[in-house]
Amino acid sequence: SPLPRAREREREKAWSMNTAKITALGLLERDVNEDVMCVWSYPAVSKEHGEVLVKRCGLEDKKIAEVFRWSKLGNTWQYMLTTSIDDLKYPRVKAACLVVLSEVFNPEMFNSLLKVLVSEYKAALTPTPLIKAYLKLFRSSSYGGWADKKFDNRRALIAGSIKSVVKTFGQQIALLWTAVVLKKRIFVYADSLSEVLSLVRTMPLFGSWHRNNWGILRPLVCLGEEELKD
């Protein structure tokens, strides 16, 4: 009938305006008992995806660090920013992590957006501002002074430092280059999450720039069942 087709065209039009390709926003919280759960998402994410976010968000760490992190599950990039909560009105919540899910790879762009969202969330300590933010982002890819048009997604592909990676591995860099060219799986481990994220994003630059495929990266993995399937 004409009505469903009109609604479908309206959704397609709205999605075309969502140039940042944001598919959902999420909120995870850690309470006084150190339990962590995904308390809100819009649109709703699957139970399995929520469990992966809980493992990756950093709220289960003994010491909460306000760190930006990113990873990927399936076709969806996950961008996460944790923050401590110290508000007498909400004594049960000790820390939170805001999440942006998108089809676009650009850590710097979404880190900037998350800073805006965290600021609004901490002012209200309720998901209500996040609902407003999602609806605005879906329609225009802009919110609170942030806009995706201020960022170039192409620059995100070359933001990593090849020079620092070569300095780290020395002559062994040839093995890394060979593994990338032959499309082998590469496991990266380090004491610092920031070092892992910085190194992993440079991988496609070693012998596979022509493929232009950053979607192969899984920079933060906790070896859960869903992650191993991915």
Protein backbone atom coordinates (compact mmCIF):
# COMPACT_ATOMS: atom_id res chain seq x y z
CA SER A 1 0.00 0.00 0.00
CA PRO A 2 1.13 3.64 -0.48
CA LEU A 3 1.44 4.37 3.26
CA PRO A 4 4.17 1.79 4.10
CA ARG A 5 6.11 2.81 0.99
CA ALA A 6 5.89 6.47 2.00
CA ARG A 7 7.18 5.63 5.48
CA GLU A 8 10.05 3.65 4.00
CA ARG A 9 11.01 6.57 1.75
CA GLU A 10 10.89 8.87 4.77
CA ARG A 11 13.25 6.57 6.71
CA GLU A 12 15.64 6.38 3.76
CA LYS A 13 15.62 10.16 3.46
CA ALA A 14 16.37 10.54 7.18
CA TRP A 15 19.18 7.96 7.00
CA SER A 16 20.76 9.81 4.07
CA MET A 17 20.94 12.91 6.28
CA ASN A 18 22.69 10.87 8.97
CA THR A 19 26.06 11.18 7.26
CA ALA A 20 27.89 10.10 10.44
CA LYS A 21 25.97 6.80 10.10
CA ILE A 22 25.25 6.66 13.84
CA THR A 23 23.14 3.59 14.49
CA ALA A 24 22.66 3.85 18.27
CA LEU A 25 23.69 5.52 21.52
CA GLY A 26 24.20 3.55 24.71
CA LEU A 27 24.76 4.07 28.42
CA LEU A 28 26.48 1.66 30.80
CA GLU A 29 26.76 2.21 34.53
CA ARG A 30 28.76 0.79 37.42
CA ASP A 31 27.07 0.84 40.82
CA VAL A 32 28.33 0.77 44.42
CA ASN A 33 28.44 -3.04 44.30
CA GLU A 34 30.77 -2.83 41.28
CA ASP A 35 28.13 -4.40 39.04
CA VAL A 36 28.21 -3.17 35.44
CA MET A 37 25.27 -3.25 33.08
CA CYS A 38 23.95 -1.64 29.94
CA VAL A 39 21.10 0.41 31.39
CA TRP A 40 19.94 2.18 28.24
CA SER A 41 20.37 2.19 24.47
CA TYR A 42 18.45 3.77 21.65
CA PRO A 43 17.63 2.15 19.39
CA ALA A 44 17.95 -1.00 21.50
CA VAL A 45 21.04 -3.14 20.92
CA SER A 46 20.93 -6.92 21.13
CA LYS A 47 21.64 -8.66 24.43
CA GLU A 48 24.82 -10.16 22.94
CA HIS A 49 26.08 -6.77 21.74
CA GLY A 50 25.33 -5.29 25.16
CA GLU A 51 27.38 -8.01 26.85
CA VAL A 52 30.33 -7.26 24.59
CA LEU A 53 30.10 -3.56 25.44
CA VAL A 54 30.12 -4.38 29.16
CA LYS A 55 33.37 -6.31 28.74
CA ARG A 56 35.03 -3.68 26.57
CA CYS A 57 33.92 -0.45 28.22
CA GLY A 58 36.46 -0.54 31.08
CA LEU A 59 33.92 -0.18 33.90
CA GLU A 60 34.89 -3.60 35.23
CA ASP A 61 38.46 -2.44 35.88
CA LYS A 62 39.41 -1.98 39.53
CA LYS A 63 40.43 1.59 38.88
CA ILE A 64 38.21 3.64 36.60
CA ALA A 65 40.21 5.65 34.11
CA GLU A 66 38.56 8.31 31.98
CA VAL A 67 39.80 6.79 28.75
CA PHE A 68 38.42 6.89 25.24
CA ARG A 69 38.43 3.50 23.56
CA TRP A 70 37.09 2.04 20.36
CA SER A 71 36.61 -1.31 18.73
CA LYS A 72 34.38 -3.13 16.27
CA LEU A 73 31.80 -5.92 16.32
CA GLY A 74 30.41 -7.17 13.04
CA ASN A 75 29.87 -4.14 10.82
CA THR A 76 29.54 -1.72 13.72
CA TRP A 77 32.25 0.51 15.16
CA GLN A 78 32.00 1.01 18.92
CA TYR A 79 33.23 4.26 20.45
CA MET A 80 33.28 4.46 24.27
CA LEU A 81 34.17 7.10 26.83
CA THR A 82 34.14 6.33 30.58
CA THR A 83 33.70 8.87 33.34
CA SER A 84 33.53 8.74 37.14
CA ILE A 85 30.34 9.87 38.89
CA ASP A 86 30.39 11.63 42.26
CA ASP A 87 26.93 13.03 42.88
CA LEU A 88 25.13 12.83 46.23
CA LYS A 89 21.76 12.74 44.44
CA TYR A 90 22.75 9.46 42.77
CA PRO A 91 24.99 7.69 45.30
CA ARG A 92 24.52 4.22 43.79
CA VAL A 93 26.13 5.14 40.46
CA LYS A 94 29.91 5.40 40.69
CA ALA A 95 30.93 5.47 37.04
CA ALA A 96 29.40 5.47 33.58
CA CYS A 97 30.37 4.84 30.00
CA LEU A 98 28.69 6.45 27.03
CA VAL A 99 28.74 4.60 23.73
CA VAL A 100 28.26 5.66 20.13
CA LEU A 101 27.72 2.95 17.53
CA SER A 102 28.38 3.86 13.92
CA GLU A 103 29.22 2.41 10.53
CA VAL A 104 31.97 5.04 10.11
CA PHE A 105 35.61 4.71 11.19
CA ASN A 106 36.82 7.96 12.71
CA PRO A 107 37.96 7.72 16.36
CA GLU A 108 38.87 11.40 16.66
CA MET A 109 35.47 12.52 15.40
CA PHE A 110 33.50 10.34 17.78
CA ASN A 111 35.76 11.10 20.72
CA SER A 112 34.83 14.73 20.22
CA LEU A 113 31.12 13.85 20.11
CA LEU A 114 31.34 11.68 23.23
CA LYS A 115 32.85 14.55 25.22
CA VAL A 116 29.75 16.59 24.41
CA LEU A 117 27.42 13.72 25.35
CA VAL A 118 29.25 12.95 28.60
CA SER A 119 29.00 16.56 29.65
CA GLU A 120 25.23 16.59 29.07
CA TYR A 121 24.72 13.23 30.76
CA LYS A 122 26.63 14.26 33.91
CA ALA A 123 24.57 17.42 34.15
CA ALA A 124 21.34 15.40 34.31
CA LEU A 125 22.44 11.84 35.22
CA THR A 126 19.58 10.51 33.13
CA PRO A 127 19.39 9.21 29.54
CA THR A 128 16.83 11.89 28.60
CA PRO A 129 19.39 14.27 27.00
CA LEU A 130 20.81 11.31 25.07
CA ILE A 131 17.46 10.58 23.45
CA LYS A 132 17.29 14.18 22.28
CA ALA A 133 20.87 13.93 21.06
CA TYR A 134 20.24 10.78 19.04
CA LEU A 135 17.19 12.22 17.29
CA LYS A 136 19.15 15.35 16.36
CA LEU A 137 22.17 13.36 15.23
CA PHE A 138 20.03 11.02 13.13
CA ARG A 139 18.50 13.97 11.32
CA SER A 140 21.52 16.19 10.85
CA SER A 141 24.74 14.56 12.15
CA SER A 142 25.27 17.61 14.35
CA TYR A 143 24.67 18.33 18.03
CA GLY A 144 25.84 20.76 20.69
CA GLY A 145 28.39 22.45 18.46
CA TRP A 146 29.64 19.12 17.11
CA ALA A 147 29.17 18.28 13.44
CA ASP A 148 30.60 15.48 11.36
CA LYS A 149 31.28 17.87 8.48
CA LYS A 150 34.06 19.39 10.61
CA PHE A 151 35.99 16.10 10.31
CA ASP A 152 37.51 14.33 7.32
CA ASN A 153 37.07 10.55 7.48
CA ARG A 154 40.00 10.12 5.10
CA ARG A 155 42.38 11.66 7.63
CA ALA A 156 41.35 9.03 10.19
CA LEU A 157 42.87 6.39 7.90
CA ILE A 158 46.33 7.95 8.07
CA ALA A 159 46.26 9.26 11.66
CA GLY A 160 48.45 6.43 12.96
CA SER A 161 52.22 6.81 13.07
CA ILE A 162 54.07 4.27 10.90
CA LYS A 163 57.37 5.75 12.08
CA SER A 164 56.66 4.91 15.74
CA VAL A 165 55.64 1.35 14.83
CA VAL A 166 58.83 0.81 12.85
CA LYS A 167 60.85 2.20 15.76
CA THR A 168 59.11 -0.20 18.15
CA PHE A 169 59.66 -3.37 16.11
CA GLY A 170 62.91 -2.54 14.32
CA GLN A 171 63.89 -5.09 11.67
CA GLN A 172 61.03 -7.35 12.77
CA ILE A 173 58.68 -4.93 11.03
CA ALA A 174 59.27 -6.97 7.88
CA LEU A 175 57.36 -9.86 9.47
CA LEU A 176 54.45 -7.56 10.25
CA TRP A 177 54.42 -6.21 6.70
CA THR A 178 54.45 -9.74 5.28
CA ALA A 179 51.59 -10.84 7.52
CA VAL A 180 49.45 -7.90 6.41
CA VAL A 181 50.16 -8.49 2.73
CA LEU A 182 49.27 -12.18 3.08
CA LYS A 183 46.09 -11.33 5.02
CA LYS A 184 47.17 -13.22 8.13
CA ARG A 185 45.58 -12.67 11.53
CA ILE A 186 47.76 -10.57 13.81
CA PHE A 187 47.40 -10.59 17.59
CA VAL A 188 48.63 -7.49 19.41
CA TYR A 189 49.18 -7.35 23.18
CA ALA A 190 50.50 -4.47 25.28
CA ASP A 191 50.27 -3.16 28.83
CA SER A 192 48.75 0.09 27.61
CA LEU A 193 45.41 0.23 25.79
CA SER A 194 46.37 3.49 24.10
CA GLU A 195 49.46 1.81 22.63
CA VAL A 196 47.36 -1.04 21.24
CA LEU A 197 44.83 1.30 19.65
CA SER A 198 47.57 3.47 18.16
CA LEU A 199 49.43 0.49 16.71
CA VAL A 200 46.46 -1.47 15.41
CA ARG A 201 45.05 1.42 13.38
CA THR A 202 48.30 1.59 11.39
CA MET A 203 48.13 -2.07 10.31
CA PRO A 204 46.32 -1.48 7.00
CA LEU A 205 49.03 1.02 6.02
CA PHE A 206 51.58 -1.80 5.82
CA GLY A 207 51.24 -3.21 2.34
CA SER A 208 47.44 -3.04 2.08
CA TRP A 209 46.67 0.64 1.55
CA HIS A 210 45.23 -0.24 -1.84
CA ARG A 211 42.53 -2.33 -0.13
CA ASN A 212 41.36 0.69 1.87
CA ASN A 213 39.76 -1.65 4.40
CA TRP A 214 39.97 -0.60 8.04
CA GLY A 215 36.94 -2.78 8.73
CA ILE A 216 39.23 -5.77 9.27
CA LEU A 217 40.47 -4.29 12.56
CA ARG A 218 39.33 -5.52 15.97
CA PRO A 219 41.52 -3.34 18.22
CA LEU A 220 39.98 -4.27 21.58
CA VAL A 221 38.92 -7.86 22.19
CA CYS A 222 38.13 -9.58 25.50
CA LEU A 223 37.84 -13.09 24.04
CA GLY A 224 34.13 -13.45 24.77
CA GLU A 225 31.97 -15.92 22.85
CA GLU A 226 30.44 -13.30 20.55
CA GLU A 227 33.85 -11.75 19.89
CA LEU A 228 35.36 -15.09 18.89
CA LYS A 229 32.48 -15.64 16.46
CA ASP A 230 33.14 -12.27 14.84
